[in-house]
Amino acid sequence: MKVNKTEFIRRLAKKHRRSQAHYSQALEDVFGGIEEYLAAGHTLQFLGFGSFVTHAKKEQQLKFKSIRSGKLLQIKVPAHHYVVFHVGKLLRKAVFKHTLKKSPRGRK
């Protein structure tokens, strides 16, 4: 099942008997804070939940052959940053609790 932000806010408000505006503002504040820290190049780590990490990608020259003309073409992909989310142990256990098996060495 896919749940969008509006539906998520509606369900939170119903579950906790608070207004949708309250949860909407709280969610906007959280997302705004995450965006602000990541834009500044920081790593956000929520123990057990996961981490948001920014990575830098260098400029690249891509060469490929055109299917239509058969010519060798080049394009320049500019340097850019991207965000990766690493799932934390507690979230992984909560989501995949039925599929995780104990490893033979005792690790999870």
PDB file of N, CA and C in Angstrom:
ATOM      1  N   MET A   1       0.837  -1.176   0.000  1.00  0.00           N
ATOM      2  CA  MET A   1       0.000   0.000   0.000  1.00  0.00           C
ATOM      3  C   MET A   1       0.886   1.245   0.000  1.00  0.00           C
ATOM      4  N   LYS A   2       0.543   2.177  -0.825  1.00  0.00           N
ATOM      5  CA  LYS A   2       1.268   3.435  -0.915  1.00  0.00           C
ATOM      6  C   LYS A   2       0.490   4.513  -0.168  1.00  0.00           C
ATOM      7  N   VAL A   3       1.176   5.274   0.684  1.00  0.00           N
ATOM      8  CA  VAL A   3       0.522   6.341   1.446  1.00  0.00           C
ATOM      9  C   VAL A   3       1.252   7.645   1.156  1.00  0.00           C
ATOM     10  N   ASN A   4       0.517   8.656   0.720  1.00  0.00           N
ATOM     11  CA  ASN A   4       1.146   9.955   0.471  1.00  0.00           C
ATOM     12  C   ASN A   4       1.173  10.783   1.760  1.00  0.00           C
ATOM     13  N   LYS A   5       1.780  11.955   1.681  1.00  0.00           N
ATOM     14  CA  LYS A   5       1.964  12.791   2.866  1.00  0.00           C
ATOM     15  C   LYS A   5       0.626  13.210   3.488  1.00  0.00           C
ATOM     16  N   THR A   6      -0.332  13.576   2.666  1.00  0.00           N
ATOM     17  CA  THR A   6      -1.634  14.013   3.164  1.00  0.00           C
ATOM     18  C   THR A   6      -2.336  12.893   3.918  1.00  0.00           C
ATOM     19  N   GLU A   7      -2.296  11.698   3.364  1.00  0.00           N
ATOM     20  CA  GLU A   7      -2.931  10.553   4.010  1.00  0.00           C
ATOM     21  C   GLU A   7      -2.206  10.197   5.309  1.00  0.00           C
ATOM     22  N   PHE A   8      -0.887  10.282   5.299  1.00  0.00           N
ATOM     23  CA  PHE A   8      -0.091  10.006   6.494  1.00  0.00           C
ATOM     24  C   PHE A   8      -0.465  10.972   7.617  1.00  0.00           C
ATOM     25  N   ILE A   9      -0.579  12.258   7.289  1.00  0.00           N
ATOM     26  CA  ILE A   9      -0.963  13.283   8.271  1.00  0.00           C
ATOM     27  C   ILE A   9      -2.373  13.022   8.800  1.00  0.00           C
ATOM     28  N   ARG A  10      -3.287  12.676   7.909  1.00  0.00           N
ATOM     29  CA  ARG A  10      -4.663  12.397   8.312  1.00  0.00           C
ATOM     30  C   ARG A  10      -4.717  11.230   9.313  1.00  0.00           C
ATOM     31  N   ARG A  11      -3.945  10.176   9.024  1.00  0.00           N
ATOM     32  CA  ARG A  11      -3.938   9.008   9.915  1.00  0.00           C
ATOM     33  C   ARG A  11      -3.316   9.332  11.276  1.00  0.00           C
ATOM     34  N   LEU A  12      -2.246  10.115  11.276  1.00  0.00           N
ATOM     35  CA  LEU A  12      -1.634  10.522  12.549  1.00  0.00           C
ATOM     36  C   LEU A  12      -2.617  11.335  13.385  1.00  0.00           C
ATOM     37  N   ALA A  13      -3.288  12.285  12.743  1.00  0.00           N
ATOM     38  CA  ALA A  13      -4.236  13.146  13.448  1.00  0.00           C
ATOM     39  C   ALA A  13      -5.385  12.331  14.036  1.00  0.00           C
ATOM     40  N   LYS A  14      -5.865  11.364  13.276  1.00  0.00           N
ATOM     41  CA  LYS A  14      -6.963  10.523  13.756  1.00  0.00           C
ATOM     42  C   LYS A  14      -6.501   9.637  14.917  1.00  0.00           C
ATOM     43  N   LYS A  15      -5.307   9.052  14.791  1.00  0.00           N
ATOM     44  CA  LYS A  15      -4.787   8.149  15.820  1.00  0.00           C
ATOM     45  C   LYS A  15      -4.556   8.861  17.150  1.00  0.00           C
ATOM     46  N   HIS A  16      -4.009  10.079  17.089  1.00  0.00           N
ATOM     47  CA  HIS A  16      -3.640  10.806  18.304  1.00  0.00           C
ATOM     48  C   HIS A  16      -4.630  11.903  18.689  1.00  0.00           C
ATOM     49  N   ARG A  17      -5.727  11.992  17.946  1.00  0.00           N
ATOM     50  CA  ARG A  17      -6.801  12.960  18.231  1.00  0.00           C
ATOM     51  C   ARG A  17      -6.292  14.396  18.322  1.00  0.00           C
ATOM     52  N   ARG A  18      -5.509  14.782  17.322  1.00  0.00           N
ATOM     53  CA  ARG A  18      -5.040  16.168  17.212  1.00  0.00           C
ATOM     54  C   ARG A  18      -5.409  16.657  15.819  1.00  0.00           C
ATOM     55  N   SER A  19      -5.213  17.925  15.586  1.00  0.00           N
ATOM     56  CA  SER A  19      -5.600  18.478  14.291  1.00  0.00           C
ATOM     57  C   SER A  19      -4.596  18.097  13.197  1.00  0.00           C
ATOM     58  N   GLN A  20      -5.110  18.028  11.975  1.00  0.00           N
ATOM     59  CA  GLN A  20      -4.240  17.746  10.838  1.00  0.00           C
ATOM     60  C   GLN A  20      -3.239  18.883  10.634  1.00  0.00           C
ATOM     61  N   ALA A  21      -3.654  20.103  10.945  1.00  0.00           N
ATOM     62  CA  ALA A  21      -2.760  21.259  10.807  1.00  0.00           C
ATOM     63  C   ALA A  21      -1.552  21.116  11.727  1.00  0.00           C
ATOM     64  N   HIS A  22      -1.776  20.587  12.923  1.00  0.00           N
ATOM     65  CA  HIS A  22      -0.689  20.380  13.886  1.00  0.00           C
ATOM     66  C   HIS A  22       0.370  19.438  13.297  1.00  0.00           C
ATOM     67  N   TYR A  23      -0.071  18.286  12.783  1.00  0.00           N
ATOM     68  CA  TYR A  23       0.869  17.311  12.230  1.00  0.00           C
ATOM     69  C   TYR A  23       1.458  17.774  10.906  1.00  0.00           C
ATOM     70  N   SER A  24       0.694  18.515  10.139  1.00  0.00           N
ATOM     71  CA  SER A  24       1.204  19.050   8.883  1.00  0.00           C
ATOM     72  C   SER A  24       2.374  20.002   9.137  1.00  0.00           C
ATOM     73  N   GLN A  25       2.201  20.892  10.115  1.00  0.00           N
ATOM     74  CA  GLN A  25       3.256  21.844  10.465  1.00  0.00           C
ATOM     75  C   GLN A  25       4.474  21.114  11.027  1.00  0.00           C
ATOM     76  N   ALA A  26       4.245  20.123  11.878  1.00  0.00           N
ATOM     77  CA  ALA A  26       5.351  19.360  12.464  1.00  0.00           C
ATOM     78  C   ALA A  26       6.150  18.640  11.379  1.00  0.00           C
ATOM     79  N   LEU A  27       5.452  18.030  10.430  1.00  0.00           N
ATOM     80  CA  LEU A  27       6.128  17.320   9.347  1.00  0.00           C
ATOM     81  C   LEU A  27       6.903  18.280   8.453  1.00  0.00           C
ATOM     82  N   GLU A  28       6.319  19.440   8.169  1.00  0.00           N
ATOM     83  CA  GLU A  28       7.014  20.451   7.368  1.00  0.00           C
ATOM     84  C   GLU A  28       8.286  20.924   8.079  1.00  0.00           C
ATOM     85  N   ASP A  29       8.206  21.094   9.392  1.00  0.00           N
ATOM     86  CA  ASP A  29       9.380  21.497  10.171  1.00  0.00           C
ATOM     87  C   ASP A  29      10.475  20.435  10.126  1.00  0.00           C
ATOM     88  N   VAL A  30      10.086  19.178  10.263  1.00  0.00           N
ATOM     89  CA  VAL A  30      11.063  18.085  10.217  1.00  0.00           C
ATOM     90  C   VAL A  30      11.717  18.011   8.836  1.00  0.00           C
ATOM     91  N   PHE A  31      10.905  18.019   7.777  1.00  0.00           N
ATOM     92  CA  PHE A  31      11.461  17.947   6.425  1.00  0.00           C
ATOM     93  C   PHE A  31      12.328  19.161   6.114  1.00  0.00           C
ATOM     94  N   GLY A  32      11.896  20.329   6.565  1.00  0.00           N
ATOM     95  CA  GLY A  32      12.683  21.549   6.353  1.00  0.00           C
ATOM     96  C   GLY A  32      14.026  21.473   7.055  1.00  0.00           C
ATOM     97  N   GLY A  33      14.037  20.937   8.273  1.00  0.00           N
ATOM     98  CA  GLY A  33      15.285  20.783   9.019  1.00  0.00           C
ATOM     99  C   GLY A  33      16.225  19.803   8.350  1.00  0.00           C
ATOM    100  N   ILE A  34      15.680  18.678   7.885  1.00  0.00           N
ATOM    101  CA  ILE A  34      16.499  17.686   7.182  1.00  0.00           C
ATOM    102  C   ILE A  34      17.099  18.304   5.926  1.00  0.00           C
ATOM    103  N   GLU A  35      16.277  19.005   5.174  1.00  0.00           N
ATOM    104  CA  GLU A  35      16.740  19.653   3.943  1.00  0.00           C
ATOM    105  C   GLU A  35      17.844  20.671   4.230  1.00  0.00           C
ATOM    106  N   GLU A  36      17.657  21.452   5.274  1.00  0.00           N
ATOM    107  CA  GLU A  36      18.630  22.487   5.652  1.00  0.00           C
ATOM    108  C   GLU A  36      19.995  21.875   5.998  1.00  0.00           C
ATOM    109  N   TYR A  37      19.994  20.829   6.821  1.00  0.00           N
ATOM    110  CA  TYR A  37      21.249  20.196   7.228  1.00  0.00           C
ATOM    111  C   TYR A  37      21.938  19.495   6.063  1.00  0.00           C
ATOM    112  N   LEU A  38      21.160  18.817   5.222  1.00  0.00           N
ATOM    113  CA  LEU A  38      21.763  18.131   4.075  1.00  0.00           C
ATOM    114  C   LEU A  38      22.318  19.124   3.063  1.00  0.00           C
ATOM    115  N   ALA A  39      21.636  20.236   2.862  1.00  0.00           N
ATOM    116  CA  ALA A  39      22.111  21.268   1.939  1.00  0.00           C
ATOM    117  C   ALA A  39      23.422  21.869   2.419  1.00  0.00           C
ATOM    118  N   ALA A  40      23.630  21.873   3.735  1.00  0.00           N
ATOM    119  CA  ALA A  40      24.876  22.399   4.300  1.00  0.00           C
ATOM    120  C   ALA A  40      25.992  21.341   4.275  1.00  0.00           C
ATOM    121  N   GLY A  41      25.673  20.136   3.789  1.00  0.00           N
ATOM    122  CA  GLY A  41      26.678  19.087   3.682  1.00  0.00           C
ATOM    123  C   GLY A  41      26.834  18.226   4.912  1.00  0.00           C
ATOM    124  N   HIS A  42      25.921  18.353   5.868  1.00  0.00           N
ATOM    125  CA  HIS A  42      25.996  17.563   7.096  1.00  0.00           C
ATOM    126  C   HIS A  42      25.370  16.185   6.898  1.00  0.00           C
ATOM    127  N   THR A  43      25.732  15.258   7.759  1.00  0.00           N
ATOM    128  CA  THR A  43      25.114  13.943   7.815  1.00  0.00           C
ATOM    129  C   THR A  43      24.144  13.945   8.988  1.00  0.00           C
ATOM    130  N   LEU A  44      22.939  13.442   8.758  1.00  0.00           N
ATOM    131  CA  LEU A  44      21.942  13.331   9.822  1.00  0.00           C
ATOM    132  C   LEU A  44      21.825  11.874  10.224  1.00  0.00           C
ATOM    133  N   GLN A  45      21.983  11.607  11.510  1.00  0.00           N
ATOM    134  CA  GLN A  45      21.921  10.240  11.985  1.00  0.00           C
ATOM    135  C   GLN A  45      20.885  10.135  13.104  1.00  0.00           C
ATOM    136  N   PHE A  46      19.884   9.299  12.878  1.00  0.00           N
ATOM    137  CA  PHE A  46      18.867   9.011  13.871  1.00  0.00           C
ATOM    138  C   PHE A  46      19.093   7.572  14.306  1.00  0.00           C
ATOM    139  N   LEU A  47      19.683   7.388  15.483  1.00  0.00           N
ATOM    140  CA  LEU A  47      20.061   6.058  15.941  1.00  0.00           C
ATOM    141  C   LEU A  47      18.876   5.102  15.903  1.00  0.00           C
ATOM    142  N   GLY A  48      19.084   3.973  15.293  1.00  0.00           N
ATOM    143  CA  GLY A  48      18.052   2.957  15.170  1.00  0.00           C
ATOM    144  C   GLY A  48      17.179   3.133  13.947  1.00  0.00           C
ATOM    145  N   PHE A  49      16.958   4.373  13.528  1.00  0.00           N
ATOM    146  CA  PHE A  49      16.094   4.638  12.367  1.00  0.00           C
ATOM    147  C   PHE A  49      16.900   4.628  11.080  1.00  0.00           C
ATOM    148  N   GLY A  50      17.966   5.437  11.037  1.00  0.00           N
ATOM    149  CA  GLY A  50      18.798   5.485   9.840  1.00  0.00           C
ATOM    150  C   GLY A  50      19.553   6.786   9.724  1.00  0.00           C
ATOM    151  N   SER A  51      20.296   6.902   8.635  1.00  0.00           N
ATOM    152  CA  SER A  51      21.133   8.073   8.400  1.00  0.00           C
ATOM    153  C   SER A  51      20.909   8.621   6.998  1.00  0.00           C
ATOM    154  N   PHE A  52      20.905   9.942   6.898  1.00  0.00           N
ATOM    155  CA  PHE A  52      20.888  10.629   5.614  1.00  0.00           C
ATOM    156  C   PHE A  52      22.305  11.140   5.380  1.00  0.00           C
ATOM    157  N   VAL A  53      22.902  10.751   4.252  1.00  0.00           N
ATOM    158  CA  VAL A  53      24.282  11.108   3.959  1.00  0.00           C
ATOM    159  C   VAL A  53      24.342  11.730   2.569  1.00  0.00           C
ATOM    160  N   THR A  54      25.109  12.810   2.432  1.00  0.00           N
ATOM    161  CA  THR A  54      25.308  13.404   1.111  1.00  0.00           C
ATOM    162  C   THR A  54      26.636  12.925   0.541  1.00  0.00           C
ATOM    163  N   HIS A  55      26.636  12.686  -0.767  1.00  0.00           N
ATOM    164  CA  HIS A  55      27.838  12.272  -1.482  1.00  0.00           C
ATOM    165  C   HIS A  55      28.052  13.210  -2.662  1.00  0.00           C
ATOM    166  N   ALA A  56      29.318  13.396  -3.018  1.00  0.00           N
ATOM    167  CA  ALA A  56      29.653  14.231  -4.171  1.00  0.00           C
ATOM    168  C   ALA A  56      30.045  13.337  -5.338  1.00  0.00           C
ATOM    169  N   LYS A  57      29.597  13.694  -6.518  1.00  0.00           N
ATOM    170  CA  LYS A  57      29.938  12.968  -7.741  1.00  0.00           C
ATOM    171  C   LYS A  57      30.748  13.906  -8.618  1.00  0.00           C
ATOM    172  N   LYS A  58      31.896  13.446  -9.094  1.00  0.00           N
ATOM    173  CA  LYS A  58      32.755  14.267  -9.940  1.00  0.00           C
ATOM    174  C   LYS A  58      32.140  14.451 -11.329  1.00  0.00           C
ATOM    175  N   GLU A  59      32.624  15.463 -12.028  1.00  0.00           N
ATOM    176  CA  GLU A  59      32.203  15.677 -13.408  1.00  0.00           C
ATOM    177  C   GLU A  59      32.643  14.475 -14.241  1.00  0.00           C
ATOM    178  N   GLN A  60      31.799  14.074 -15.191  1.00  0.00           N
ATOM    179  CA  GLN A  60      32.116  12.925 -16.029  1.00  0.00           C
ATOM    180  C   GLN A  60      31.959  13.250 -17.501  1.00  0.00           C
ATOM    181  N   GLN A  61      32.796  12.626 -18.317  1.00  0.00           N
ATOM    182  CA  GLN A  61      32.670  12.689 -19.770  1.00  0.00           C
ATOM    183  C   GLN A  61      32.127  11.334 -20.218  1.00  0.00           C
ATOM    184  N   LEU A  62      30.937  11.306 -20.767  1.00  0.00           N
ATOM    185  CA  LEU A  62      30.343  10.058 -21.233  1.00  0.00           C
ATOM    186  C   LEU A  62      30.456   9.968 -22.748  1.00  0.00           C
ATOM    187  N   LYS A  63      30.899   8.814 -23.213  1.00  0.00           N
ATOM    188  CA  LYS A  63      30.997   8.570 -24.652  1.00  0.00           C
ATOM    189  C   LYS A  63      30.037   7.443 -24.997  1.00  0.00           C
ATOM    190  N   PHE A  64      29.291   7.642 -26.079  1.00  0.00           N
ATOM    191  CA  PHE A  64      28.378   6.596 -26.514  1.00  0.00           C
ATOM    192  C   PHE A  64      28.139   6.723 -28.007  1.00  0.00           C
ATOM    193  N   LYS A  65      27.659   5.646 -28.584  1.00  0.00           N
ATOM    194  CA  LYS A  65      27.403   5.611 -30.007  1.00  0.00           C
ATOM    195  C   LYS A  65      25.921   5.860 -30.242  1.00  0.00           C
ATOM    196  N   SER A  66      25.632   6.796 -31.142  1.00  0.00           N
ATOM    197  CA  SER A  66      24.252   7.119 -31.463  1.00  0.00           C
ATOM    198  C   SER A  66      23.623   5.966 -32.243  1.00  0.00           C
ATOM    199  N   ILE A  67      22.439   5.582 -31.854  1.00  0.00           N
ATOM    200  CA  ILE A  67      21.739   4.493 -32.541  1.00  0.00           C
ATOM    201  C   ILE A  67      21.304   4.944 -33.931  1.00  0.00           C
ATOM    202  N   ARG A  68      20.868   6.181 -34.052  1.00  0.00           N
ATOM    203  CA  ARG A  68      20.363   6.678 -35.332  1.00  0.00           C
ATOM    204  C   ARG A  68      21.468   6.918 -36.350  1.00  0.00           C
ATOM    205  N   SER A  69      22.489   7.680 -35.953  1.00  0.00           N
ATOM    206  CA  SER A  69      23.519   8.070 -36.920  1.00  0.00           C
ATOM    207  C   SER A  69      24.747   7.172 -36.892  1.00  0.00           C
ATOM    208  N   GLY A  70      24.931   6.448 -35.812  1.00  0.00           N
ATOM    209  CA  GLY A  70      26.109   5.596 -35.702  1.00  0.00           C
ATOM    210  C   GLY A  70      27.359   6.371 -35.304  1.00  0.00           C
ATOM    211  N   LYS A  71      27.228   7.675 -35.062  1.00  0.00           N
ATOM    212  CA  LYS A  71      28.374   8.506 -34.686  1.00  0.00           C
ATOM    213  C   LYS A  71      28.696   8.343 -33.205  1.00  0.00           C
ATOM    214  N   LEU A  72      29.961   8.544 -32.881  1.00  0.00           N
ATOM    215  CA  LEU A  72      30.397   8.524 -31.496  1.00  0.00           C
ATOM    216  C   LEU A  72      30.142   9.912 -30.902  1.00  0.00           C
ATOM    217  N   LEU A  73      29.377   9.978 -29.826  1.00  0.00           N
ATOM    218  CA  LEU A  73      29.015  11.249 -29.207  1.00  0.00           C
ATOM    219  C   LEU A  73      29.603  11.330 -27.808  1.00  0.00           C
ATOM    220  N   GLN A  74      29.783  12.552 -27.340  1.00  0.00           N
ATOM    221  CA  GLN A  74      30.263  12.797 -25.988  1.00  0.00           C
ATOM    222  C   GLN A  74      29.336  13.801 -25.312  1.00  0.00           C
ATOM    223  N   ILE A  75      29.065  13.554 -24.043  1.00  0.00           N
ATOM    224  CA  ILE A  75      28.345  14.543 -23.255  1.00  0.00           C
ATOM    225  C   ILE A  75      29.074  14.716 -21.932  1.00  0.00           C
ATOM    226  N   LYS A  76      28.949  15.903 -21.390  1.00  0.00           N
ATOM    227  CA  LYS A  76      29.568  16.210 -20.097  1.00  0.00           C
ATOM    228  C   LYS A  76      28.477  16.242 -19.034  1.00  0.00           C
ATOM    229  N   VAL A  77      28.649  15.416 -18.022  1.00  0.00           N
ATOM    230  CA  VAL A  77      27.730  15.411 -16.886  1.00  0.00           C
ATOM    231  C   VAL A  77      28.407  16.218 -15.781  1.00  0.00           C
ATOM    232  N   PRO A  78      27.823  17.336 -15.364  1.00  0.00           N
ATOM    233  CA  PRO A  78      28.472  18.185 -14.364  1.00  0.00           C
ATOM    234  C   PRO A  78      28.561  17.511 -12.988  1.00  0.00           C
ATOM    235  N   ALA A  79      29.485  17.989 -12.197  1.00  0.00           N
ATOM    236  CA  ALA A  79      29.618  17.498 -10.823  1.00  0.00           C
ATOM    237  C   ALA A  79      28.338  17.827 -10.061  1.00  0.00           C
ATOM    238  N   HIS A  80      27.942  16.932  -9.173  1.00  0.00           N
ATOM    239  CA  HIS A  80      26.720  17.158  -8.403  1.00  0.00           C
ATOM    240  C   HIS A  80      26.772  16.368  -7.102  1.00  0.00           C
ATOM    241  N   HIS A  81      25.829  16.684  -6.227  1.00  0.00           N
ATOM    242  CA  HIS A  81      25.700  15.986  -4.951  1.00  0.00           C
ATOM    243  C   HIS A  81      24.402  15.186  -4.962  1.00  0.00           C
ATOM    244  N   TYR A  82      24.378  14.114  -4.191  1.00  0.00           N
ATOM    245  CA  TYR A  82      23.162  13.330  -4.056  1.00  0.00           C
ATOM    246  C   TYR A  82      23.057  12.811  -2.628  1.00  0.00           C
ATOM    247  N   VAL A  83      21.846  12.438  -2.238  1.00  0.00           N
ATOM    248  CA  VAL A  83      21.578  12.004  -0.873  1.00  0.00           C
ATOM    249  C   VAL A  83      21.285  10.508  -0.862  1.00  0.00           C
ATOM    250  N   VAL A  84      21.829   9.840   0.140  1.00  0.00           N
ATOM    251  CA  VAL A  84      21.590   8.413   0.330  1.00  0.00           C
ATOM    252  C   VAL A  84      21.028   8.214   1.733  1.00  0.00           C
ATOM    253  N   PHE A  85      20.063   7.312   1.852  1.00  0.00           N
ATOM    254  CA  PHE A  85      19.518   6.961   3.165  1.00  0.00           C
ATOM    255  C   PHE A  85      19.967   5.547   3.494  1.00  0.00           C
ATOM    256  N   HIS A  86      20.612   5.388   4.650  1.00  0.00           N
ATOM    257  CA  HIS A  86      21.031   4.080   5.136  1.00  0.00           C
ATOM    258  C   HIS A  86      20.078   3.679   6.264  1.00  0.00           C
ATOM    259  N   VAL A  87      19.414   2.546   6.107  1.00  0.00           N
ATOM    260  CA  VAL A  87      18.433   2.088   7.088  1.00  0.00           C
ATOM    261  C   VAL A  87      19.135   1.635   8.362  1.00  0.00           C
ATOM    262  N   GLY A  88      18.606   2.063   9.504  1.00  0.00           N
ATOM    263  CA  GLY A  88      19.153   1.681  10.800  1.00  0.00           C
ATOM    264  C   GLY A  88      18.683   0.298  11.227  1.00  0.00           C
ATOM    265  N   LYS A  89      19.346  -0.236  12.212  1.00  0.00           N
ATOM    266  CA  LYS A  89      19.088  -1.601  12.667  1.00  0.00           C
ATOM    267  C   LYS A  89      17.659  -1.796  13.188  1.00  0.00           C
ATOM    268  N   LEU A  90      17.178  -0.885  14.010  1.00  0.00           N
ATOM    269  CA  LEU A  90      15.833  -1.041  14.577  1.00  0.00           C
ATOM    270  C   LEU A  90      14.746  -0.949  13.511  1.00  0.00           C
ATOM    271  N   LEU A  91      14.895  -0.027  12.571  1.00  0.00           N
ATOM    272  CA  LEU A  91      13.922   0.101  11.483  1.00  0.00           C
ATOM    273  C   LEU A  91      13.961  -1.142  10.600  1.00  0.00           C
ATOM    274  N   ARG A  92      15.160  -1.622  10.294  1.00  0.00           N
ATOM    275  CA  ARG A  92      15.302  -2.826   9.475  1.00  0.00           C
ATOM    276  C   ARG A  92      14.608  -4.010  10.149  1.00  0.00           C
ATOM    277  N   LYS A  93      14.813  -4.145  11.459  1.00  0.00           N
ATOM    278  CA  LYS A  93      14.176  -5.245  12.189  1.00  0.00           C
ATOM    279  C   LYS A  93      12.653  -5.102  12.181  1.00  0.00           C
ATOM    280  N   ALA A  94      12.155  -3.886  12.367  1.00  0.00           N
ATOM    281  CA  ALA A  94      10.705  -3.659  12.406  1.00  0.00           C
ATOM    282  C   ALA A  94      10.050  -3.962  11.058  1.00  0.00           C
ATOM    283  N   VAL A  95      10.712  -3.573   9.982  1.00  0.00           N
ATOM    284  CA  VAL A  95      10.136  -3.748   8.652  1.00  0.00           C
ATOM    285  C   VAL A  95      10.288  -5.184   8.160  1.00  0.00           C
ATOM    286  N   PHE A  96      11.439  -5.769   8.407  1.00  0.00           N
ATOM    287  CA  PHE A  96      11.728  -7.094   7.872  1.00  0.00           C
ATOM    288  C   PHE A  96      11.748  -8.180   8.941  1.00  0.00           C
ATOM    289  N   LYS A  97      10.967  -8.017   9.988  1.00  0.00           N
ATOM    290  CA  LYS A  97      11.037  -8.940  11.127  1.00  0.00           C
ATOM    291  C   LYS A  97      10.703 -10.382  10.753  1.00  0.00           C
ATOM    292  N   HIS A  98       9.899 -10.582   9.726  1.00  0.00           N
ATOM    293  CA  HIS A  98       9.523 -11.943   9.339  1.00  0.00           C
ATOM    294  C   HIS A  98      10.525 -12.563   8.369  1.00  0.00           C
ATOM    295  N   THR A  99      11.368 -11.748   7.752  1.00  0.00           N
ATOM    296  CA  THR A  99      12.295 -12.290   6.757  1.00  0.00           C
ATOM    297  C   THR A  99      13.729 -12.369   7.263  1.00  0.00           C
ATOM    298  N   LEU A 100      14.053 -11.670   8.360  1.00  0.00           N
ATOM    299  CA  LEU A 100      15.411 -11.724   8.882  1.00  0.00           C
ATOM    300  C   LEU A 100      15.634 -13.032   9.621  1.00  0.00           C
ATOM    301  N   LYS A 101      16.751 -13.651   9.322  1.00  0.00           N
ATOM    302  CA  LYS A 101      17.115 -14.881  10.011  1.00  0.00           C
ATOM    303  C   LYS A 101      18.445 -14.665  10.703  1.00  0.00           C
ATOM    304  N   LYS A 102      18.637 -15.363  11.784  1.00  0.00           N
ATOM    305  CA  LYS A 102      19.890 -15.251  12.515  1.00  0.00           C
ATOM    306  C   LYS A 102      20.981 -15.936  11.700  1.00  0.00           C
ATOM    307  N   SER A 103      22.114 -15.266  11.567  1.00  0.00           N
ATOM    308  CA  SER A 103      23.193 -15.865  10.800  1.00  0.00           C
ATOM    309  C   SER A 103      23.864 -16.961  11.627  1.00  0.00           C
ATOM    310  N   PRO A 104      24.554 -17.898  10.970  1.00  0.00           N
ATOM    311  CA  PRO A 104      25.189 -18.988  11.693  1.00  0.00           C
ATOM    312  C   PRO A 104      26.264 -18.509  12.678  1.00  0.00           C
ATOM    313  N   ARG A 105      26.830 -17.344  12.466  1.00  0.00           N
ATOM    314  CA  ARG A 105      27.878 -16.816  13.325  1.00  0.00           C
ATOM    315  C   ARG A 105      27.312 -16.012  14.500  1.00  0.00           C
ATOM    316  N   GLY A 106      26.023 -15.929  14.606  1.00  0.00           N
ATOM    317  CA  GLY A 106      25.415 -15.194  15.709  1.00  0.00           C
ATOM    318  C   GLY A 106      25.146 -13.741  15.404  1.00  0.00           C
ATOM    319  N   ARG A 107      25.496 -13.282  14.207  1.00  0.00           N
ATOM    320  CA  ARG A 107      25.219 -11.887  13.809  1.00  0.00           C
ATOM    321  C   ARG A 107      23.838 -11.798  13.231  1.00  0.00           C
ATOM    322  N   LYS A 108      23.302 -10.593  13.266  1.00  0.00           N
ATOM    323  CA  LYS A 108      21.981 -10.372  12.659  1.00  0.00           C
ATOM    324  C   LYS A 108      22.112  -9.479  11.472  1.00  0.00           C
TER     325      LYS A 108
END
